[in-house]
Protein backbone atom coordinates (compact mmCIF):
# COMPACT_ATOMS: atom_id res chain seq x y z
CA MET A 1 122.99 74.97 135.90
CA ILE A 2 123.61 72.54 139.29
CA LEU A 3 125.02 69.45 138.61
CA GLY A 4 122.68 66.22 137.57
CA TRP A 5 119.61 68.62 136.42
CA ARG A 6 119.73 67.48 133.27
CA LYS A 7 118.93 63.67 134.28
CA LYS A 8 115.83 65.09 136.65
CA TYR A 9 114.89 67.19 133.86
CA LEU A 10 114.41 64.12 131.33
CA GLU A 11 112.82 62.10 134.34
CA ILE A 12 110.09 65.09 134.27
CA LEU A 13 110.21 65.17 130.68
CA LYS A 14 109.00 61.50 130.69
CA GLU A 15 106.86 61.52 133.53
CA PHE A 16 105.03 64.17 132.41
CA LYS A 17 105.13 63.80 128.84
CA TYR A 18 106.71 67.10 128.02
CA ASP A 19 107.89 68.07 125.24
CA GLU A 20 111.29 69.69 125.30
CA LYS A 21 111.45 71.59 121.52
CA LYS A 22 108.33 73.17 123.02
CA ASP A 23 110.06 74.00 126.62
CA LYS A 24 112.83 75.79 124.26
CA GLU A 25 110.45 77.61 121.85
CA SER A 26 108.43 78.95 124.14
CA ALA A 27 112.32 79.89 126.33
CA VAL A 28 113.35 81.54 123.34
CA ILE A 29 110.32 83.51 123.00
CA LEU A 30 111.09 85.07 126.66
CA ASN A 31 114.65 85.79 125.39
CA SER A 32 113.22 87.75 122.93
CA ILE A 33 110.96 90.15 125.21
CA LEU A 34 113.39 90.26 128.16
CA LYS A 35 116.16 93.09 128.30
CA LYS A 36 119.83 92.52 129.74
CA THR A 37 120.15 93.98 133.21
CA ASN A 38 121.98 93.36 136.02
CA ILE A 39 119.48 92.26 138.29
CA ASN A 40 121.54 89.22 139.26
CA GLU A 41 123.81 90.95 141.18
CA GLU A 42 120.99 92.88 142.90
CA ILE A 43 119.70 89.48 143.86
CA SER A 44 122.69 87.85 144.82
CA LYS A 45 123.10 91.18 147.70
CA LEU A 46 119.24 90.23 148.93
CA ILE A 47 120.52 86.57 149.64
CA LYS A 48 123.63 85.88 149.84
CA GLY A 49 124.32 84.62 153.60
CA LYS A 50 121.23 85.68 154.43
CA SER A 51 118.04 83.84 155.91
CA VAL A 52 115.35 84.00 153.60
CA LEU A 53 111.67 82.35 153.23
CA VAL A 54 110.30 80.72 150.75
CA ILE A 55 106.41 80.88 150.39
CA GLY A 56 103.80 78.25 148.55
CA SER A 57 100.35 78.53 148.48
CA GLY A 58 99.88 74.85 149.76
CA PRO A 59 97.21 74.24 153.09
CA SER A 60 99.44 75.59 155.69
CA LEU A 61 99.59 79.24 154.01
CA SER A 62 96.59 80.20 155.85
CA THR A 63 98.39 79.50 159.22
CA ALA A 64 101.68 80.50 158.28
CA ILE A 65 100.29 84.29 156.87
CA PRO A 66 99.99 85.55 160.09
CA GLU A 67 103.53 84.45 161.40
CA LEU A 68 104.92 86.30 157.71
CA LYS A 69 102.82 89.44 158.81
CA LYS A 70 105.31 89.76 161.59
CA MET A 71 108.79 89.09 159.78
CA LYS A 72 108.67 92.66 158.10
CA LYS A 73 112.38 92.67 157.84
CA SER A 74 113.08 88.65 155.96
CA ILE A 75 113.65 88.28 152.20
CA LYS A 76 110.60 86.44 151.10
CA ILE A 77 110.87 84.25 147.85
CA ALA A 78 107.14 83.36 146.77
CA ALA A 79 105.31 80.83 144.61
CA ASP A 80 102.80 83.38 142.54
CA SER A 81 99.83 81.59 143.33
CA SER A 82 100.75 82.72 147.22
CA ILE A 83 101.00 86.31 145.95
CA LYS A 84 96.95 87.20 146.28
CA PRO A 85 96.12 85.99 149.59
CA LEU A 86 100.08 87.78 151.12
CA LEU A 87 98.76 91.05 149.43
CA GLU A 88 95.37 90.42 150.78
CA ASN A 89 97.85 90.61 153.92
CA GLY A 90 99.60 93.68 153.28
CA ILE A 91 102.77 91.16 152.63
CA ILE A 92 104.96 92.13 149.61
CA PRO A 93 107.57 89.49 148.70
CA GLU A 94 111.03 91.28 147.94
CA ILE A 95 111.17 87.91 144.72
CA VAL A 96 108.20 86.09 142.84
CA ILE A 97 108.80 82.93 141.25
CA SER A 98 106.37 82.46 138.26
CA ASP A 99 105.28 80.78 135.31
CA LEU A 100 102.27 83.21 134.94
CA ASP A 101 99.24 81.14 136.22
CA GLY A 102 98.69 82.90 139.13
CA ASP A 103 96.04 85.72 139.82
CA GLU A 104 96.84 88.31 137.21
CA LYS A 105 95.76 91.47 138.84
CA SER A 106 97.55 90.29 142.30
CA LEU A 107 100.80 89.77 139.49
CA LYS A 108 100.39 93.21 138.30
CA LYS A 109 99.71 94.91 141.92
CA VAL A 110 103.52 93.92 142.57
CA SER A 111 105.08 94.75 139.30
CA LYS A 112 106.61 97.58 140.01
CA LYS A 113 107.87 96.57 143.45
CA SER A 114 109.16 92.54 143.55
CA ILE A 115 111.46 90.80 141.21
CA PHE A 116 109.84 88.44 138.63
CA VAL A 117 111.43 85.37 137.70
CA ILE A 118 109.36 83.97 135.34
CA HIS A 119 109.67 80.87 133.95
CA ALA A 120 109.35 79.89 130.39
CA HIS A 121 107.61 76.28 129.47
CA GLY A 122 105.96 74.85 126.32
CA ASP A 123 102.24 75.65 127.86
CA ASN A 124 102.55 79.32 128.88
CA MET A 125 103.81 80.73 125.45
CA ASN A 126 100.59 83.30 125.03
CA LYS A 127 101.77 84.52 128.48
CA LEU A 128 105.27 85.67 128.09
CA GLU A 129 104.08 88.98 126.76
CA PHE A 130 103.02 89.83 130.43
CA SER A 131 106.99 89.97 131.14
CA LYS A 132 106.91 93.27 129.57
CA LYS A 133 105.14 94.95 132.37
CA ILE A 134 107.51 93.68 134.48
CA LYS A 135 110.20 96.24 135.50
CA LYS A 136 112.48 93.96 137.02
CA CYS A 137 112.75 90.19 135.55
CA ILE A 138 114.67 87.37 134.25
CA GLY A 139 113.63 84.38 132.77
CA THR A 140 114.14 80.86 133.37
CA THR A 141 114.10 77.35 131.74
CA GLN A 142 114.05 73.77 132.63
CA SER A 143 116.12 73.01 129.60
CA ASN A 144 120.10 74.68 128.23
CA PRO A 145 119.94 77.92 129.90
CA PHE A 146 121.65 80.54 127.22
CA ASP A 147 122.01 84.05 126.25
CA LYS A 148 119.46 85.83 128.86
CA ILE A 149 117.53 82.55 130.32
CA GLN A 150 118.86 81.05 133.07
CA ASN A 151 118.03 77.63 135.27
CA PHE A 152 118.38 77.36 138.30
CA GLY A 153 116.91 74.14 138.64
CA GLY A 154 113.76 72.98 140.00
CA PHE A 155 109.68 71.88 138.97
CA THR A 156 106.94 73.73 140.51
CA ASP A 157 106.96 77.48 141.22
CA GLY A 158 107.43 76.56 145.06
CA ASP A 159 110.23 74.12 144.69
CA ARG A 160 111.76 76.41 142.05
CA GLY A 161 112.10 78.72 144.42
CA VAL A 162 114.34 77.06 147.21
CA PHE A 163 116.66 75.74 144.30
CA PHE A 164 117.08 79.30 143.45
CA ALA A 165 117.96 80.51 147.41
CA SER A 166 120.19 78.00 146.97
CA TYR A 167 122.14 79.11 143.68
CA PHE A 168 122.47 82.74 145.51
CA GLU A 169 124.02 80.67 148.51
CA ALA A 170 120.88 81.98 151.13
CA LYS A 171 122.76 80.99 154.39
CA LYS A 172 118.99 78.87 154.96
CA ILE A 173 116.21 78.62 153.51
CA ILE A 174 112.79 78.56 155.71
CA LEU A 175 109.55 77.13 153.87
CA PHE A 176 106.07 78.57 154.57
CA GLY A 177 103.21 76.79 153.17
CA MET A 178 104.89 74.51 150.87
CA ASP A 179 103.05 70.90 152.08
CA PHE A 180 103.78 68.74 148.96
CA GLY A 181 101.11 66.27 150.60
CA GLU A 182 97.55 65.17 149.67
CA ARG A 183 95.58 68.71 150.10
CA ILE A 184 95.88 70.87 147.66
CA GLY A 185 95.59 74.32 149.15
CA LYS A 186 92.91 76.84 148.43
CA TYR A 187 95.17 79.42 147.05
CA SER A 188 96.32 77.08 144.17
CA ASN A 189 93.52 77.75 141.92
CA THR A 190 93.31 73.72 140.61
CA LYS A 191 90.23 73.07 138.78
CA LYS A 192 88.83 69.32 140.00
CA SER A 193 89.88 68.08 136.31
CA ASP A 194 93.78 68.81 137.40
CA ARG A 195 93.40 67.47 141.00
CA LYS A 196 95.89 64.49 139.96
CA ILE A 197 98.48 66.10 137.80
CA LYS A 198 98.65 68.91 140.12
CA LEU A 199 99.13 66.04 143.30
CA MET A 200 102.04 64.65 140.62
CA LYS A 201 103.57 67.76 140.03
CA LEU A 202 103.65 68.04 144.13
CA SER A 203 105.21 65.01 144.56
CA LYS A 204 107.79 65.03 142.32
CA GLY A 205 108.74 68.68 143.75
CA LYS A 206 109.09 67.48 146.81
CA LEU A 207 111.57 64.88 145.56
CA LEU A 208 113.50 67.43 143.76
CA LEU A 209 113.89 69.45 147.34
CA GLU A 210 114.84 66.10 148.67
CA TRP A 211 117.62 65.68 145.88
CA LEU A 212 118.52 69.26 146.44
CA ALA A 213 119.29 68.87 149.90
CA THR A 214 121.80 66.24 149.71
CA LYS A 215 124.15 68.92 147.39
CA THR A 216 122.76 72.61 148.79
CA LYS A 217 125.31 74.11 151.44
CA SER A 218 122.19 76.28 152.45
CA GLU A 219 120.70 74.90 155.51
CA LEU A 220 117.15 73.90 155.00
CA LEU A 221 114.33 74.22 157.00
CA THR A 222 110.31 73.66 157.27
CA THR A 223 107.59 75.18 158.54
CA SER A 224 105.00 73.16 157.08
CA ARG A 225 105.29 69.46 155.97
CA PRO A 226 108.24 67.10 156.87
CA ILE A 227 110.86 66.59 153.73
CA LYS A 228 113.58 64.80 154.05
CA GLY A 229 116.53 66.68 154.37
CA PHE A 230 114.76 69.84 155.93
CA LYS A 231 114.41 70.61 159.81
CA LYS A 232 111.15 70.49 160.84
CA ILE A 233 110.37 74.08 163.10
CA SER A 234 107.23 76.05 164.83
CA TYR A 235 106.63 79.27 163.97
CA LYS A 236 107.70 80.02 167.39
CA THR A 237 111.38 79.31 166.71
CA VAL A 238 111.00 81.36 163.42
CA ASN A 239 112.42 83.91 164.83
CA ILE A 240 115.01 82.66 167.04
CA THR A 241 116.00 80.54 163.64
CA ILE A 242 116.52 83.54 161.26
CA THR A 243 118.98 85.12 163.24
């Protein structure tokens, strides 16, 4: 685990009133489903020393998609709620970060093509069976890693994607559709009743990325809203930045 993560996780448990026992129970279930693989080696070859794109489902995703369509050769790591609009535009990410609450039909469509990083937590135990349908899959937890379950850090699917890319030593990490503001993207499928908790999660995710920025060796950039420790760039300069 990234040094200092345990303290951050305890803050999350307290702030959101989560139960670590349930997180651990979910991780045990996922561990029992997953097969032992060498996918980490494949992931390392994809990411280490490369410029990678991390894609969220924030409000700016709509304007980011035309730009993403141009970057066919770039390694893309996508939060699961962004998969549906990406697929609709012919974009298939190499890696999907998911706690399995995204559009199931879209996840099925990429389950044989993308590497999945499935996250186990106390509220998604009943969805973990979906992992059996995925060709290439690894499991994660926010609690202590064990056996086939890993912990790269991060909280929401989006910021976990950044922690993940940092862990695998990406040279540069460039954010798309990762806004962390007061608006919730139309692709996030958030109910009105869940709006408050969603905004809290986004706020926490942003704070975690600001913390990661003080620790990572990866160069951090964003095409979305400014984040402390990330260089704000325009779409016009993305290709120049990647090369």
